[in-house]
Amino acid sequence: MAEDAGPPNVRRRFSAVASSVSFSTQLDRSQLARFDRFYDEETKQGTLPFLLSDPGTDGWPLLSDDGTPLLTDEGVPILMAETWLCLFGQQLPVVAAMDMIWKVTFQVVVMP
């Protein structure tokens, strides 16, 4: 069948868009050193993608329609798993000292 009549067929290149998620966490000195190393070395100052567990899904129990956790035959709750492919956002992570704890605020871009 010829497609020379009617509206043109247009196909989108991508059907999903990236979403931005803001994070804020409190770290002790050793955790801050690990975060710094991850940011500087493992993601090359935020330019390389990384995997991050979805904090709203990963590790939470799978529920039935009435809200009861679904269990295995052994009675262990079935947990959901979700991992995001991320990049750090445009802004650099912000580190603020709070006595012996450091507050780190940053954005990640979750890829579709």
C-alpha atoms as a PDB file:
ATOM      1  CA  MET A   1       0.000   0.000   0.000  1.00  0.00           C
ATOM      2  CA  ALA A   2       1.447   3.357  -0.993  1.00  0.00           C
ATOM      3  CA  GLU A   3       1.862   6.050   1.608  1.00  0.00           C
ATOM      4  CA  ASP A   4       1.639   8.983  -0.778  1.00  0.00           C
ATOM      5  CA  ALA A   5      -1.720  10.170   0.572  1.00  0.00           C
ATOM      6  CA  GLY A   6      -2.758  11.326   4.016  1.00  0.00           C
ATOM      7  CA  PRO A   7      -0.667  12.702   6.857  1.00  0.00           C
ATOM      8  CA  PRO A   8       3.024  11.822   6.944  1.00  0.00           C
ATOM      9  CA  ASN A   9       4.162   8.997   9.213  1.00  0.00           C
ATOM     10  CA  VAL A  10       6.286  10.542  11.919  1.00  0.00           C
ATOM     11  CA  ARG A  11       8.225   8.434  14.385  1.00  0.00           C
ATOM     12  CA  ARG A  12       9.706   9.933  17.513  1.00  0.00           C
ATOM     13  CA  ARG A  13      13.349   9.103  18.065  1.00  0.00           C
ATOM     14  CA  PHE A  14      12.901   8.702  21.817  1.00  0.00           C
ATOM     15  CA  SER A  15       9.694   7.971  23.701  1.00  0.00           C
ATOM     16  CA  ALA A  16      10.909   8.925  27.182  1.00  0.00           C
ATOM     17  CA  VAL A  17      12.758  11.839  28.696  1.00  0.00           C
ATOM     18  CA  ALA A  18      15.258  11.996  31.528  1.00  0.00           C
ATOM     19  CA  SER A  19      14.006  13.151  34.914  1.00  0.00           C
ATOM     20  CA  SER A  20      15.865  15.120  37.555  1.00  0.00           C
ATOM     21  CA  VAL A  21      15.843  14.043  41.215  1.00  0.00           C
ATOM     22  CA  SER A  22      17.275  16.062  44.110  1.00  0.00           C
ATOM     23  CA  PHE A  23      19.031  14.318  46.997  1.00  0.00           C
ATOM     24  CA  SER A  24      20.267  15.472  50.368  1.00  0.00           C
ATOM     25  CA  THR A  25      22.100  13.234  52.809  1.00  0.00           C
ATOM     26  CA  GLN A  26      24.104  13.520  56.001  1.00  0.00           C
ATOM     27  CA  LEU A  27      27.504  11.804  56.013  1.00  0.00           C
ATOM     28  CA  ASP A  28      30.217  11.253  58.578  1.00  0.00           C
ATOM     29  CA  ARG A  29      33.837  11.977  57.633  1.00  0.00           C
ATOM     30  CA  SER A  30      34.592   8.537  56.172  1.00  0.00           C
ATOM     31  CA  GLN A  31      31.338   8.486  54.193  1.00  0.00           C
ATOM     32  CA  LEU A  32      32.122  11.955  52.817  1.00  0.00           C
ATOM     33  CA  ALA A  33      35.574  10.742  51.726  1.00  0.00           C
ATOM     34  CA  ARG A  34      33.905   7.801  49.929  1.00  0.00           C
ATOM     35  CA  PHE A  35      31.411  10.151  48.233  1.00  0.00           C
ATOM     36  CA  ASP A  36      34.254  12.459  47.128  1.00  0.00           C
ATOM     37  CA  ARG A  37      36.185   9.524  45.679  1.00  0.00           C
ATOM     38  CA  PHE A  38      33.086   8.248  43.866  1.00  0.00           C
ATOM     39  CA  TYR A  39      32.371  11.685  42.384  1.00  0.00           C
ATOM     40  CA  ASP A  40      35.977  12.565  41.484  1.00  0.00           C
ATOM     41  CA  GLU A  41      37.369   9.213  40.344  1.00  0.00           C
ATOM     42  CA  GLU A  42      34.576   6.792  39.514  1.00  0.00           C
ATOM     43  CA  THR A  43      32.293   9.244  37.699  1.00  0.00           C
ATOM     44  CA  LYS A  44      35.145  11.511  36.507  1.00  0.00           C
ATOM     45  CA  GLN A  45      33.743  14.544  38.327  1.00  0.00           C
ATOM     46  CA  GLY A  46      30.180  13.682  37.456  1.00  0.00           C
ATOM     47  CA  THR A  47      30.637  13.062  33.723  1.00  0.00           C
ATOM     48  CA  LEU A  48      30.199   9.254  33.677  1.00  0.00           C
ATOM     49  CA  PRO A  49      26.907   7.410  34.276  1.00  0.00           C
ATOM     50  CA  PHE A  50      26.373   5.248  37.347  1.00  0.00           C
ATOM     51  CA  LEU A  51      23.747   2.907  38.774  1.00  0.00           C
ATOM     52  CA  LEU A  52      21.634   3.971  41.745  1.00  0.00           C
ATOM     53  CA  SER A  53      18.970   1.970  43.581  1.00  0.00           C
ATOM     54  CA  ASP A  54      15.568   3.655  43.265  1.00  0.00           C
ATOM     55  CA  PRO A  55      14.924   4.862  46.829  1.00  0.00           C
ATOM     56  CA  GLY A  56      11.153   4.771  46.360  1.00  0.00           C
ATOM     57  CA  THR A  57      11.000   1.186  45.062  1.00  0.00           C
ATOM     58  CA  ASP A  58      14.127  -0.881  45.690  1.00  0.00           C
ATOM     59  CA  GLY A  59      13.909  -3.033  48.822  1.00  0.00           C
ATOM     60  CA  TRP A  60      10.245  -2.326  49.534  1.00  0.00           C
ATOM     61  CA  PRO A  61       7.856  -5.305  49.874  1.00  0.00           C
ATOM     62  CA  LEU A  62       5.606  -6.257  46.979  1.00  0.00           C
ATOM     63  CA  LEU A  63       1.988  -5.905  48.134  1.00  0.00           C
ATOM     64  CA  SER A  64      -1.246  -7.643  47.203  1.00  0.00           C
ATOM     65  CA  ASP A  65      -4.364  -5.675  46.230  1.00  0.00           C
ATOM     66  CA  ASP A  66      -5.404  -5.428  49.899  1.00  0.00           C
ATOM     67  CA  GLY A  67      -1.974  -4.127  50.994  1.00  0.00           C
ATOM     68  CA  THR A  68      -0.673  -7.373  52.499  1.00  0.00           C
ATOM     69  CA  PRO A  69       2.975  -8.185  51.696  1.00  0.00           C
ATOM     70  CA  LEU A  70       3.397 -11.098  49.292  1.00  0.00           C
ATOM     71  CA  LEU A  71       5.501 -13.903  50.767  1.00  0.00           C
ATOM     72  CA  THR A  72       7.610 -16.769  49.430  1.00  0.00           C
ATOM     73  CA  ASP A  73       6.790 -20.359  50.408  1.00  0.00           C
ATOM     74  CA  GLU A  74       9.171 -19.898  53.353  1.00  0.00           C
ATOM     75  CA  GLY A  75       7.268 -16.813  54.593  1.00  0.00           C
ATOM     76  CA  VAL A  76       9.886 -14.268  53.479  1.00  0.00           C
ATOM     77  CA  PRO A  77       8.525 -11.022  51.974  1.00  0.00           C
ATOM     78  CA  ILE A  78       9.110 -10.586  48.238  1.00  0.00           C
ATOM     79  CA  LEU A  79      10.972  -7.330  47.743  1.00  0.00           C
ATOM     80  CA  MET A  80      10.817  -5.074  44.690  1.00  0.00           C
ATOM     81  CA  ALA A  81      14.002  -4.174  42.839  1.00  0.00           C
ATOM     82  CA  GLU A  82      14.590  -1.090  40.715  1.00  0.00           C
ATOM     83  CA  THR A  83      17.869   0.415  39.579  1.00  0.00           C
ATOM     84  CA  TRP A  84      18.320   3.745  37.818  1.00  0.00           C
ATOM     85  CA  LEU A  85      20.969   4.660  35.265  1.00  0.00           C
ATOM     86  CA  CYS A  86      22.006   8.171  36.341  1.00  0.00           C
ATOM     87  CA  LEU A  87      24.285  11.094  35.684  1.00  0.00           C
ATOM     88  CA  PHE A  88      25.037  13.870  38.145  1.00  0.00           C
ATOM     89  CA  GLY A  89      23.045  17.041  37.404  1.00  0.00           C
ATOM     90  CA  GLN A  90      24.412  20.319  36.058  1.00  0.00           C
ATOM     91  CA  GLN A  91      25.205  21.786  39.485  1.00  0.00           C
ATOM     92  CA  LEU A  92      28.138  20.558  41.548  1.00  0.00           C
ATOM     93  CA  PRO A  93      27.322  18.747  44.799  1.00  0.00           C
ATOM     94  CA  VAL A  94      27.082  21.168  47.725  1.00  0.00           C
ATOM     95  CA  VAL A  95      28.826  20.135  50.958  1.00  0.00           C
ATOM     96  CA  ALA A  96      28.019  21.941  54.210  1.00  0.00           C
ATOM     97  CA  ALA A  97      29.695  21.155  57.538  1.00  0.00           C
ATOM     98  CA  MET A  98      27.305  20.556  60.436  1.00  0.00           C
ATOM     99  CA  ASP A  99      29.461  19.920  63.526  1.00  0.00           C
ATOM    100  CA  MET A 100      30.833  16.365  62.986  1.00  0.00           C
ATOM    101  CA  ILE A 101      28.435  15.603  60.105  1.00  0.00           C
ATOM    102  CA  TRP A 102      28.464  16.933  56.552  1.00  0.00           C
ATOM    103  CA  LYS A 103      25.268  17.615  54.602  1.00  0.00           C
ATOM    104  CA  VAL A 104      25.680  16.807  50.901  1.00  0.00           C
ATOM    105  CA  THR A 105      23.054  18.033  48.428  1.00  0.00           C
ATOM    106  CA  PHE A 106      23.120  17.073  44.752  1.00  0.00           C
ATOM    107  CA  GLN A 107      20.948  16.307  41.745  1.00  0.00           C
ATOM    108  CA  VAL A 108      20.933  13.232  39.574  1.00  0.00           C
ATOM    109  CA  VAL A 109      19.427  12.882  36.120  1.00  0.00           C
ATOM    110  CA  VAL A 110      17.676   9.530  35.747  1.00  0.00           C
ATOM    111  CA  MET A 111      18.018   8.271  32.200  1.00  0.00           C
ATOM    112  CA  PRO A 112      14.985   6.717  30.474  1.00  0.00           C
END
